[in-house]
Amino acid sequence: MEGSMSEIVKEKPIMEEVQKKYNNFIKSRLMMMEYEKKEAYLHGNQIMLDEERRLGIEQGMEKGIEQGRKE
């Protein structure tokens, strides 16, 4: 990766700053732990939202069936 990164930095000098920030990030255990916590939180939220959406659709279908029977 280091070799290809050098080529990218030559082509786009701004990438040198990106590489420095990335290297600092991966060297910092605390930053990595915070990032992992955030990712786990977001993943958990997505699972919860998907389940709530599924339950909402299921309840809506049940209500629709009940209303259809009444009519």
PDB file of N, CA and C in Angstrom:
ATOM      1  N   MET A   1       0.829  -1.194   0.000  1.00  0.00           N
ATOM      2  CA  MET A   1       0.000   0.000   0.000  1.00  0.00           C
ATOM      3  C   MET A   1       0.868   1.251   0.000  1.00  0.00           C
ATOM      4  N   GLU A   2       1.995   1.186   0.693  1.00  0.00           N
ATOM      5  CA  GLU A   2       2.862   2.357   0.811  1.00  0.00           C
ATOM      6  C   GLU A   2       3.347   2.816  -0.559  1.00  0.00           C
ATOM      7  N   GLY A   3       3.693   1.860  -1.443  1.00  0.00           N
ATOM      8  CA  GLY A   3       4.164   2.210  -2.774  1.00  0.00           C
ATOM      9  C   GLY A   3       3.099   2.901  -3.599  1.00  0.00           C
ATOM     10  N   SER A   4       1.902   2.368  -3.609  1.00  0.00           N
ATOM     11  CA  SER A   4       0.824   2.975  -4.384  1.00  0.00           C
ATOM     12  C   SER A   4       0.422   4.320  -3.792  1.00  0.00           C
ATOM     13  N   MET A   5       0.530   4.454  -2.464  1.00  0.00           N
ATOM     14  CA  MET A   5       0.197   5.727  -1.830  1.00  0.00           C
ATOM     15  C   MET A   5       1.184   6.804  -2.264  1.00  0.00           C
ATOM     16  N   SER A   6       2.466   6.447  -2.414  1.00  0.00           N
ATOM     17  CA  SER A   6       3.478   7.408  -2.864  1.00  0.00           C
ATOM     18  C   SER A   6       3.142   7.931  -4.254  1.00  0.00           C
ATOM     19  N   GLU A   7       2.671   7.043  -5.115  1.00  0.00           N
ATOM     20  CA  GLU A   7       2.295   7.454  -6.468  1.00  0.00           C
ATOM     21  C   GLU A   7       1.100   8.404  -6.437  1.00  0.00           C
ATOM     22  N   ILE A   8       0.139   8.098  -5.584  1.00  0.00           N
ATOM     23  CA  ILE A   8      -1.047   8.956  -5.469  1.00  0.00           C
ATOM     24  C   ILE A   8      -0.651  10.330  -4.953  1.00  0.00           C
ATOM     25  N   VAL A   9       0.261  10.372  -3.963  1.00  0.00           N
ATOM     26  CA  VAL A   9       0.710  11.648  -3.390  1.00  0.00           C
ATOM     27  C   VAL A   9       1.410  12.480  -4.456  1.00  0.00           C
ATOM     28  N   LYS A  10       2.188  11.829  -5.328  1.00  0.00           N
ATOM     29  CA  LYS A  10       2.864  12.554  -6.411  1.00  0.00           C
ATOM     30  C   LYS A  10       1.844  13.190  -7.349  1.00  0.00           C
ATOM     31  N   GLU A  11       0.769  12.457  -7.641  1.00  0.00           N
ATOM     32  CA  GLU A  11      -0.250  12.954  -8.556  1.00  0.00           C
ATOM     33  C   GLU A  11      -1.124  14.023  -7.918  1.00  0.00           C
ATOM     34  N   LYS A  12      -1.438  13.843  -6.627  1.00  0.00           N
ATOM     35  CA  LYS A  12      -2.334  14.771  -5.930  1.00  0.00           C
ATOM     36  C   LYS A  12      -1.721  15.106  -4.573  1.00  0.00           C
ATOM     37  N   PRO A  13      -1.025  16.240  -4.481  1.00  0.00           N
ATOM     38  CA  PRO A  13      -0.334  16.607  -3.242  1.00  0.00           C
ATOM     39  C   PRO A  13      -1.233  16.657  -2.002  1.00  0.00           C
ATOM     40  N   ILE A  14      -2.504  16.960  -2.147  1.00  0.00           N
ATOM     41  CA  ILE A  14      -3.408  17.013  -0.994  1.00  0.00           C
ATOM     42  C   ILE A  14      -3.481  15.654  -0.303  1.00  0.00           C
ATOM     43  N   MET A  15      -3.220  14.595  -1.056  1.00  0.00           N
ATOM     44  CA  MET A  15      -3.286  13.248  -0.495  1.00  0.00           C
ATOM     45  C   MET A  15      -2.216  13.009   0.566  1.00  0.00           C
ATOM     46  N   GLU A  16      -1.139  13.802   0.550  1.00  0.00           N
ATOM     47  CA  GLU A  16      -0.109  13.667   1.583  1.00  0.00           C
ATOM     48  C   GLU A  16      -0.705  13.980   2.954  1.00  0.00           C
ATOM     49  N   GLU A  17      -1.512  15.029   3.013  1.00  0.00           N
ATOM     50  CA  GLU A  17      -2.176  15.394   4.269  1.00  0.00           C
ATOM     51  C   GLU A  17      -3.163  14.303   4.690  1.00  0.00           C
ATOM     52  N   VAL A  18      -3.875  13.763   3.733  1.00  0.00           N
ATOM     53  CA  VAL A  18      -4.811  12.672   4.016  1.00  0.00           C
ATOM     54  C   VAL A  18      -4.050  11.471   4.578  1.00  0.00           C
ATOM     55  N   GLN A  19      -2.928  11.138   3.975  1.00  0.00           N
ATOM     56  CA  GLN A  19      -2.129  10.008   4.434  1.00  0.00           C
ATOM     57  C   GLN A  19      -1.629  10.241   5.862  1.00  0.00           C
ATOM     58  N   LYS A  20      -1.187  11.455   6.170  1.00  0.00           N
ATOM     59  CA  LYS A  20      -0.712  11.764   7.528  1.00  0.00           C
ATOM     60  C   LYS A  20      -1.834  11.584   8.547  1.00  0.00           C
ATOM     61  N   LYS A  21      -3.006  12.115   8.221  1.00  0.00           N
ATOM     62  CA  LYS A  21      -4.137  11.996   9.145  1.00  0.00           C
ATOM     63  C   LYS A  21      -4.544  10.536   9.322  1.00  0.00           C
ATOM     64  N   TYR A  22      -4.531   9.795   8.243  1.00  0.00           N
ATOM     65  CA  TYR A  22      -4.873   8.368   8.317  1.00  0.00           C
ATOM     66  C   TYR A  22      -3.873   7.622   9.200  1.00  0.00           C
ATOM     67  N   ASN A  23      -2.592   7.891   8.988  1.00  0.00           N
ATOM     68  CA  ASN A  23      -1.563   7.220   9.788  1.00  0.00           C
ATOM     69  C   ASN A  23      -1.699   7.570  11.267  1.00  0.00           C
ATOM     70  N   ASN A  24      -1.977   8.836  11.570  1.00  0.00           N
ATOM     71  CA  ASN A  24      -2.184   9.230  12.966  1.00  0.00           C
ATOM     72  C   ASN A  24      -3.396   8.520  13.546  1.00  0.00           C
ATOM     73  N   PHE A  25      -4.420   8.402  12.749  1.00  0.00           N
ATOM     74  CA  PHE A  25      -5.656   7.754  13.193  1.00  0.00           C
ATOM     75  C   PHE A  25      -5.417   6.291  13.546  1.00  0.00           C
ATOM     76  N   ILE A  26      -4.763   5.564  12.660  1.00  0.00           N
ATOM     77  CA  ILE A  26      -4.578   4.134  12.910  1.00  0.00           C
ATOM     78  C   ILE A  26      -3.561   3.874  14.014  1.00  0.00           C
ATOM     79  N   LYS A  27      -2.698   4.837  14.303  1.00  0.00           N
ATOM     80  CA  LYS A  27      -1.730   4.670  15.392  1.00  0.00           C
ATOM     81  C   LYS A  27      -2.360   4.939  16.750  1.00  0.00           C
ATOM     82  N   SER A  28      -3.456   5.663  16.758  1.00  0.00           N
ATOM     83  CA  SER A  28      -4.097   6.014  18.019  1.00  0.00           C
ATOM     84  C   SER A  28      -5.126   4.949  18.385  1.00  0.00           C
ATOM     85  N   ARG A  29      -4.830   4.169  19.407  1.00  0.00           N
ATOM     86  CA  ARG A  29      -5.741   3.109  19.847  1.00  0.00           C
ATOM     87  C   ARG A  29      -7.069   3.701  20.312  1.00  0.00           C
ATOM     88  N   LEU A  30      -7.010   4.835  21.011  1.00  0.00           N
ATOM     89  CA  LEU A  30      -8.230   5.470  21.509  1.00  0.00           C
ATOM     90  C   LEU A  30      -9.140   5.877  20.351  1.00  0.00           C
ATOM     91  N   MET A  31      -8.556   6.479  19.316  1.00  0.00           N
ATOM     92  CA  MET A  31      -9.362   6.880  18.156  1.00  0.00           C
ATOM     93  C   MET A  31      -9.979   5.662  17.485  1.00  0.00           C
ATOM     94  N   MET A  32      -9.213   4.595  17.382  1.00  0.00           N
ATOM     95  CA  MET A  32      -9.730   3.380  16.755  1.00  0.00           C
ATOM     96  C   MET A  32     -10.876   2.802  17.581  1.00  0.00           C
ATOM     97  N   MET A  33     -10.734   2.814  18.902  1.00  0.00           N
ATOM     98  CA  MET A  33     -11.790   2.287  19.759  1.00  0.00           C
ATOM     99  C   MET A  33     -13.059   3.129  19.629  1.00  0.00           C
ATOM    100  N   GLU A  34     -12.907   4.453  19.577  1.00  0.00           N
ATOM    101  CA  GLU A  34     -14.066   5.329  19.428  1.00  0.00           C
ATOM    102  C   GLU A  34     -14.750   5.091  18.089  1.00  0.00           C
ATOM    103  N   TYR A  35     -13.960   4.925  17.041  1.00  0.00           N
ATOM    104  CA  TYR A  35     -14.511   4.654  15.717  1.00  0.00           C
ATOM    105  C   TYR A  35     -15.284   3.333  15.727  1.00  0.00           C
ATOM    106  N   GLU A  36     -14.700   2.311  16.343  1.00  0.00           N
ATOM    107  CA  GLU A  36     -15.366   1.008  16.401  1.00  0.00           C
ATOM    108  C   GLU A  36     -16.665   1.084  17.198  1.00  0.00           C
ATOM    109  N   LYS A  37     -16.662   1.860  18.290  1.00  0.00           N
ATOM    110  CA  LYS A  37     -17.890   2.023  19.078  1.00  0.00           C
ATOM    111  C   LYS A  37     -18.971   2.699  18.248  1.00  0.00           C
ATOM    112  N   LYS A  38     -18.571   3.728  17.505  1.00  0.00           N
ATOM    113  CA  LYS A  38     -19.534   4.453  16.667  1.00  0.00           C
ATOM    114  C   LYS A  38     -20.110   3.519  15.602  1.00  0.00           C
ATOM    115  N   GLU A  39     -19.250   2.742  14.967  1.00  0.00           N
ATOM    116  CA  GLU A  39     -19.706   1.811  13.936  1.00  0.00           C
ATOM    117  C   GLU A  39     -20.667   0.774  14.515  1.00  0.00           C
ATOM    118  N   ALA A  40     -20.347   0.257  15.694  1.00  0.00           N
ATOM    119  CA  ALA A  40     -21.224  -0.728  16.337  1.00  0.00           C
ATOM    120  C   ALA A  40     -22.571  -0.101  16.671  1.00  0.00           C
ATOM    121  N   TYR A  41     -22.552   1.141  17.156  1.00  0.00           N
ATOM    122  CA  TYR A  41     -23.784   1.858  17.494  1.00  0.00           C
ATOM    123  C   TYR A  41     -24.644   2.062  16.247  1.00  0.00           C
ATOM    124  N   LEU A  42     -24.027   2.527  15.175  1.00  0.00           N
ATOM    125  CA  LEU A  42     -24.771   2.763  13.934  1.00  0.00           C
ATOM    126  C   LEU A  42     -25.318   1.455  13.365  1.00  0.00           C
ATOM    127  N   HIS A  43     -24.542   0.407  13.441  1.00  0.00           N
ATOM    128  CA  HIS A  43     -24.999  -0.898  12.946  1.00  0.00           C
ATOM    129  C   HIS A  43     -26.191  -1.387  13.767  1.00  0.00           C
ATOM    130  N   GLY A  44     -26.092  -1.245  15.092  1.00  0.00           N
ATOM    131  CA  GLY A  44     -27.195  -1.642  15.966  1.00  0.00           C
ATOM    132  C   GLY A  44     -28.456  -0.857  15.677  1.00  0.00           C
ATOM    133  N   ASN A  45     -28.291   0.443  15.451  1.00  0.00           N
ATOM    134  CA  ASN A  45     -29.450   1.283  15.122  1.00  0.00           C
ATOM    135  C   ASN A  45     -30.096   0.840  13.816  1.00  0.00           C
ATOM    136  N   GLN A  46     -29.283   0.498  12.834  1.00  0.00           N
ATOM    137  CA  GLN A  46     -29.821   0.075  11.543  1.00  0.00           C
ATOM    138  C   GLN A  46     -30.607  -1.220  11.688  1.00  0.00           C
ATOM    139  N   ILE A  47     -30.089  -2.138  12.470  1.00  0.00           N
ATOM    140  CA  ILE A  47     -30.802  -3.402  12.713  1.00  0.00           C
ATOM    141  C   ILE A  47     -32.139  -3.123  13.387  1.00  0.00           C
ATOM    142  N   MET A  48     -32.116  -2.233  14.397  1.00  0.00           N
ATOM    143  CA  MET A  48     -33.343  -1.903  15.120  1.00  0.00           C
ATOM    144  C   MET A  48     -34.364  -1.244  14.187  1.00  0.00           C
ATOM    145  N   LEU A  49     -33.908  -0.312  13.350  1.00  0.00           N
ATOM    146  CA  LEU A  49     -34.817   0.353  12.414  1.00  0.00           C
ATOM    147  C   LEU A  49     -35.415  -0.641  11.419  1.00  0.00           C
ATOM    148  N   ASP A  50     -34.595  -1.541  10.924  1.00  0.00           N
ATOM    149  CA  ASP A  50     -35.093  -2.556   9.987  1.00  0.00           C
ATOM    150  C   ASP A  50     -36.170  -3.416  10.638  1.00  0.00           C
ATOM    151  N   GLU A  51     -35.934  -3.811  11.891  1.00  0.00           N
ATOM    152  CA  GLU A  51     -36.908  -4.646  12.598  1.00  0.00           C
ATOM    153  C   GLU A  51     -38.198  -3.871  12.857  1.00  0.00           C
ATOM    154  N   GLU A  52     -38.083  -2.619  13.275  1.00  0.00           N
ATOM    155  CA  GLU A  52     -39.275  -1.804  13.524  1.00  0.00           C
ATOM    156  C   GLU A  52     -40.066  -1.582  12.238  1.00  0.00           C
ATOM    157  N   ARG A  53     -39.373  -1.389  11.133  1.00  0.00           N
ATOM    158  CA  ARG A  53     -40.037  -1.221   9.837  1.00  0.00           C
ATOM    159  C   ARG A  53     -40.793  -2.497   9.473  1.00  0.00           C
ATOM    160  N   ARG A  54     -40.141  -3.644   9.672  1.00  0.00           N
ATOM    161  CA  ARG A  54     -40.776  -4.929   9.375  1.00  0.00           C
ATOM    162  C   ARG A  54     -42.031  -5.120  10.228  1.00  0.00           C
ATOM    163  N   LEU A  55     -41.930  -4.805  11.517  1.00  0.00           N
ATOM    164  CA  LEU A  55     -43.089  -4.944  12.401  1.00  0.00           C
ATOM    165  C   LEU A  55     -44.210  -3.980  12.008  1.00  0.00           C
ATOM    166  N   GLY A  56     -43.846  -2.769  11.619  1.00  0.00           N
ATOM    167  CA  GLY A  56     -44.850  -1.793  11.192  1.00  0.00           C
ATOM    168  C   GLY A  56     -45.600  -2.264   9.961  1.00  0.00           C
ATOM    169  N   ILE A  57     -44.887  -2.813   9.011  1.00  0.00           N
ATOM    170  CA  ILE A  57     -45.522  -3.336   7.798  1.00  0.00           C
ATOM    171  C   ILE A  57     -46.443  -4.500   8.157  1.00  0.00           C
ATOM    172  N   GLU A  58     -45.946  -5.371   9.023  1.00  0.00           N
ATOM    173  CA  GLU A  58     -46.748  -6.523   9.454  1.00  0.00           C
ATOM    174  C   GLU A  58     -48.040  -6.064  10.140  1.00  0.00           C
ATOM    175  N   GLN A  59     -47.941  -5.091  11.027  1.00  0.00           N
ATOM    176  CA  GLN A  59     -49.126  -4.577  11.720  1.00  0.00           C
ATOM    177  C   GLN A  59     -50.083  -3.901  10.746  1.00  0.00           C
ATOM    178  N   GLY A  60     -49.526  -3.173   9.790  1.00  0.00           N
ATOM    179  CA  GLY A  60     -50.364  -2.525   8.788  1.00  0.00           C
ATOM    180  C   GLY A  60     -51.130  -3.535   7.955  1.00  0.00           C
ATOM    181  N   MET A  61     -50.479  -4.620   7.611  1.00  0.00           N
ATOM    182  CA  MET A  61     -51.155  -5.663   6.838  1.00  0.00           C
ATOM    183  C   MET A  61     -52.268  -6.305   7.662  1.00  0.00           C
ATOM    184  N   GLU A  62     -52.004  -6.550   8.938  1.00  0.00           N
ATOM    185  CA  GLU A  62     -53.027  -7.142   9.808  1.00  0.00           C
ATOM    186  C   GLU A  62     -54.239  -6.221   9.932  1.00  0.00           C
ATOM    187  N   LYS A  63     -53.997  -4.925  10.087  1.00  0.00           N
ATOM    188  CA  LYS A  63     -55.110  -3.969  10.184  1.00  0.00           C
ATOM    189  C   LYS A  63     -55.893  -3.926   8.883  1.00  0.00           C
ATOM    190  N   GLY A  64     -55.178  -3.977   7.771  1.00  0.00           N
ATOM    191  CA  GLY A  64     -55.845  -3.975   6.473  1.00  0.00           C
ATOM    192  C   GLY A  64     -56.730  -5.195   6.294  1.00  0.00           C
ATOM    193  N   ILE A  65     -56.249  -6.338   6.739  1.00  0.00           N
ATOM    194  CA  ILE A  65     -57.045  -7.574   6.654  1.00  0.00           C
ATOM    195  C   ILE A  65     -58.280  -7.453   7.532  1.00  0.00           C
ATOM    196  N   GLU A  66     -58.111  -6.936   8.752  1.00  0.00           N
ATOM    197  CA  GLU A  66     -59.250  -6.756   9.659  1.00  0.00           C
ATOM    198  C   GLU A  66     -60.287  -5.813   9.056  1.00  0.00           C
ATOM    199  N   GLN A  67     -59.834  -4.712   8.482  1.00  0.00           N
ATOM    200  CA  GLN A  67     -60.762  -3.759   7.877  1.00  0.00           C
ATOM    201  C   GLN A  67     -61.464  -4.381   6.681  1.00  0.00           C
ATOM    202  N   GLY A  68     -60.758  -5.190   5.920  1.00  0.00           N
ATOM    203  CA  GLY A  68     -61.353  -5.870   4.772  1.00  0.00           C
ATOM    204  C   GLY A  68     -62.448  -6.837   5.197  1.00  0.00           C
ATOM    205  N   ARG A  69     -62.265  -7.468   6.325  1.00  0.00           N
ATOM    206  CA  ARG A  69     -63.275  -8.403   6.831  1.00  0.00           C
ATOM    207  C   ARG A  69     -64.522  -7.662   7.296  1.00  0.00           C
ATOM    208  N   LYS A  70     -64.334  -6.485   7.864  1.00  0.00           N
ATOM    209  CA  LYS A  70     -65.467  -5.697   8.364  1.00  0.00           C
ATOM    210  C   LYS A  70     -66.333  -5.187   7.218  1.00  0.00           C
ATOM    211  N   GLU A  71     -65.718  -4.946   6.092  1.00  0.00           N
ATOM    212  CA  GLU A  71     -66.456  -4.384   4.955  1.00  0.00           C
ATOM    213  C   GLU A  71     -67.118  -5.448   4.206  1.00  0.00           C
TER     214      GLU A  71
END
